[in-house]
């Protein structure tokens, strides 16, 4: 979501926009818990991906 703030807006208008953005329903991330089964430790995978550039 994008909130556009213009220079001429006062603090009250900005606060209203942010409170409106926060109140909107987000994504349910709990349904993705445990979906990916990894064969290696995530830290080892990350180090391997970083070393690919060398």
N, C-alpha and C. Protein backbone atom coordinates (compact mmCIF):
# COMPACT_ATOMS: atom_id res chain seq x y z
N UNK A 1 0.83 -1.17 0.00
CA UNK A 1 0.00 0.00 0.00
C UNK A 1 0.88 1.24 0.00
N UNK A 2 0.45 2.25 -0.69
CA UNK A 2 1.19 3.49 -0.79
C UNK A 2 0.35 4.62 -0.21
N UNK A 3 0.97 5.44 0.62
CA UNK A 3 0.31 6.62 1.18
C UNK A 3 1.04 7.85 0.65
N UNK A 4 0.32 8.69 -0.05
CA UNK A 4 0.92 9.89 -0.64
C UNK A 4 0.72 11.06 0.32
N UNK A 5 1.84 11.69 0.67
CA UNK A 5 1.82 12.86 1.55
C UNK A 5 2.37 14.04 0.76
N UNK A 6 1.59 15.09 0.72
CA UNK A 6 2.02 16.29 0.02
C UNK A 6 2.60 17.28 1.01
N UNK A 7 3.44 18.18 0.51
CA UNK A 7 4.11 19.14 1.38
C UNK A 7 3.14 20.04 2.14
N UNK A 8 2.04 20.39 1.56
CA UNK A 8 1.12 21.36 2.15
C UNK A 8 0.14 20.74 3.15
N UNK A 9 0.19 19.45 3.38
CA UNK A 9 -0.73 18.81 4.32
C UNK A 9 -0.27 19.06 5.75
N UNK A 10 -1.25 19.23 6.64
CA UNK A 10 -0.90 19.43 8.04
C UNK A 10 -0.75 18.09 8.75
N UNK A 11 -0.28 18.14 9.99
CA UNK A 11 0.01 16.91 10.73
C UNK A 11 -1.24 16.09 11.00
N UNK A 12 -2.37 16.73 11.19
CA UNK A 12 -3.61 16.01 11.47
C UNK A 12 -4.05 15.17 10.26
N UNK A 13 -3.95 15.75 9.07
CA UNK A 13 -4.30 15.00 7.85
C UNK A 13 -3.37 13.81 7.65
N UNK A 14 -2.10 14.02 7.90
CA UNK A 14 -1.11 12.93 7.75
C UNK A 14 -1.41 11.82 8.75
N UNK A 15 -1.72 12.18 9.99
CA UNK A 15 -2.04 11.18 11.02
C UNK A 15 -3.27 10.39 10.63
N UNK A 16 -4.28 11.05 10.06
CA UNK A 16 -5.49 10.34 9.63
C UNK A 16 -5.18 9.33 8.54
N UNK A 17 -4.33 9.73 7.59
CA UNK A 17 -3.97 8.80 6.51
C UNK A 17 -3.25 7.57 7.05
N UNK A 18 -2.32 7.79 7.97
CA UNK A 18 -1.58 6.66 8.52
C UNK A 18 -2.46 5.76 9.37
N UNK A 19 -3.37 6.34 10.14
CA UNK A 19 -4.25 5.50 10.95
C UNK A 19 -5.19 4.69 10.06
N UNK A 20 -5.61 5.27 8.95
CA UNK A 20 -6.45 4.54 8.00
C UNK A 20 -5.67 3.38 7.38
N UNK A 21 -4.40 3.63 7.04
CA UNK A 21 -3.58 2.59 6.43
C UNK A 21 -3.32 1.45 7.42
N UNK A 22 -3.14 1.77 8.68
CA UNK A 22 -2.85 0.75 9.69
C UNK A 22 -4.08 -0.10 9.96
N UNK A 23 -5.25 0.50 9.92
CA UNK A 23 -6.49 -0.21 10.24
C UNK A 23 -6.90 -1.21 9.17
N UNK A 24 -6.37 -1.09 7.96
CA UNK A 24 -6.76 -2.02 6.91
C UNK A 24 -6.21 -3.41 7.22
N UNK A 25 -6.96 -4.41 6.79
CA UNK A 25 -6.59 -5.79 7.08
C UNK A 25 -5.33 -6.16 6.30
N UNK A 26 -4.41 -6.79 6.97
CA UNK A 26 -3.15 -7.21 6.37
C UNK A 26 -3.23 -8.64 5.86
N UNK A 27 -2.09 -9.20 5.57
CA UNK A 27 -1.97 -10.56 5.06
C UNK A 27 -1.82 -11.52 6.23
N UNK A 28 -2.51 -12.65 6.15
CA UNK A 28 -2.40 -13.67 7.18
C UNK A 28 -1.17 -14.51 6.90
N UNK A 29 -0.08 -14.22 7.58
CA UNK A 29 1.18 -14.92 7.34
C UNK A 29 1.25 -16.26 8.06
N UNK A 30 0.37 -16.49 9.03
CA UNK A 30 0.41 -17.75 9.78
C UNK A 30 0.06 -18.96 8.91
N UNK A 31 -0.66 -18.74 7.82
CA UNK A 31 -1.01 -19.88 6.97
C UNK A 31 0.19 -20.41 6.19
N UNK A 32 1.30 -19.64 6.17
CA UNK A 32 2.50 -20.07 5.46
C UNK A 32 3.55 -20.68 6.38
N UNK A 33 3.30 -20.73 7.67
CA UNK A 33 4.26 -21.29 8.62
C UNK A 33 4.46 -22.78 8.37
N UNK A 34 5.70 -23.19 8.23
CA UNK A 34 6.02 -24.60 8.05
C UNK A 34 5.76 -25.14 6.66
N UNK A 35 5.49 -24.28 5.69
CA UNK A 35 5.19 -24.74 4.33
C UNK A 35 6.46 -25.20 3.62
N UNK A 36 7.56 -24.48 3.81
CA UNK A 36 8.81 -24.81 3.12
C UNK A 36 9.61 -25.77 3.99
N UNK A 37 9.99 -26.87 3.40
CA UNK A 37 10.83 -27.85 4.09
C UNK A 37 12.24 -27.73 3.51
N UNK A 38 13.19 -27.33 4.34
CA UNK A 38 14.56 -27.13 3.90
C UNK A 38 15.42 -28.33 4.27
N UNK A 39 16.35 -28.65 3.37
CA UNK A 39 17.25 -29.77 3.65
C UNK A 39 18.51 -29.30 4.37
N UNK A 40 18.79 -27.99 4.33
CA UNK A 40 19.97 -27.42 4.98
C UNK A 40 19.53 -26.31 5.94
N UNK A 41 20.48 -25.89 6.74
CA UNK A 41 20.27 -24.76 7.63
C UNK A 41 20.12 -23.48 6.80
N UNK A 42 19.14 -22.64 7.08
CA UNK A 42 18.94 -21.42 6.29
C UNK A 42 20.16 -20.51 6.25
N UNK A 43 20.95 -20.47 7.33
CA UNK A 43 22.14 -19.63 7.35
C UNK A 43 23.19 -20.14 6.36
N UNK A 44 23.32 -21.44 6.25
CA UNK A 44 24.26 -22.03 5.29
C UNK A 44 23.82 -21.73 3.86
N UNK A 45 22.53 -21.83 3.60
CA UNK A 45 22.00 -21.51 2.26
C UNK A 45 22.28 -20.05 1.93
N UNK A 46 22.08 -19.16 2.88
CA UNK A 46 22.32 -17.74 2.65
C UNK A 46 23.79 -17.48 2.34
N UNK A 47 24.70 -18.10 3.08
CA UNK A 47 26.13 -17.91 2.83
C UNK A 47 26.52 -18.44 1.45
N UNK A 48 25.95 -19.56 1.04
CA UNK A 48 26.24 -20.11 -0.29
C UNK A 48 25.77 -19.17 -1.39
N UNK A 49 24.59 -18.59 -1.21
CA UNK A 49 24.08 -17.66 -2.22
C UNK A 49 24.93 -16.40 -2.30
N UNK A 50 25.43 -15.94 -1.18
CA UNK A 50 26.30 -14.76 -1.19
C UNK A 50 27.65 -15.05 -1.84
N UNK A 51 28.14 -16.28 -1.68
CA UNK A 51 29.44 -16.63 -2.24
C UNK A 51 29.37 -16.92 -3.74
N UNK A 52 28.19 -16.99 -4.33
CA UNK A 52 28.08 -17.26 -5.77
C UNK A 52 28.71 -16.14 -6.61
N UNK A 53 28.77 -14.95 -6.06
CA UNK A 53 29.27 -13.80 -6.83
C UNK A 53 30.79 -13.79 -6.92
N UNK A 54 31.46 -14.55 -6.12
CA UNK A 54 32.93 -14.54 -6.13
C UNK A 54 33.50 -15.46 -7.15
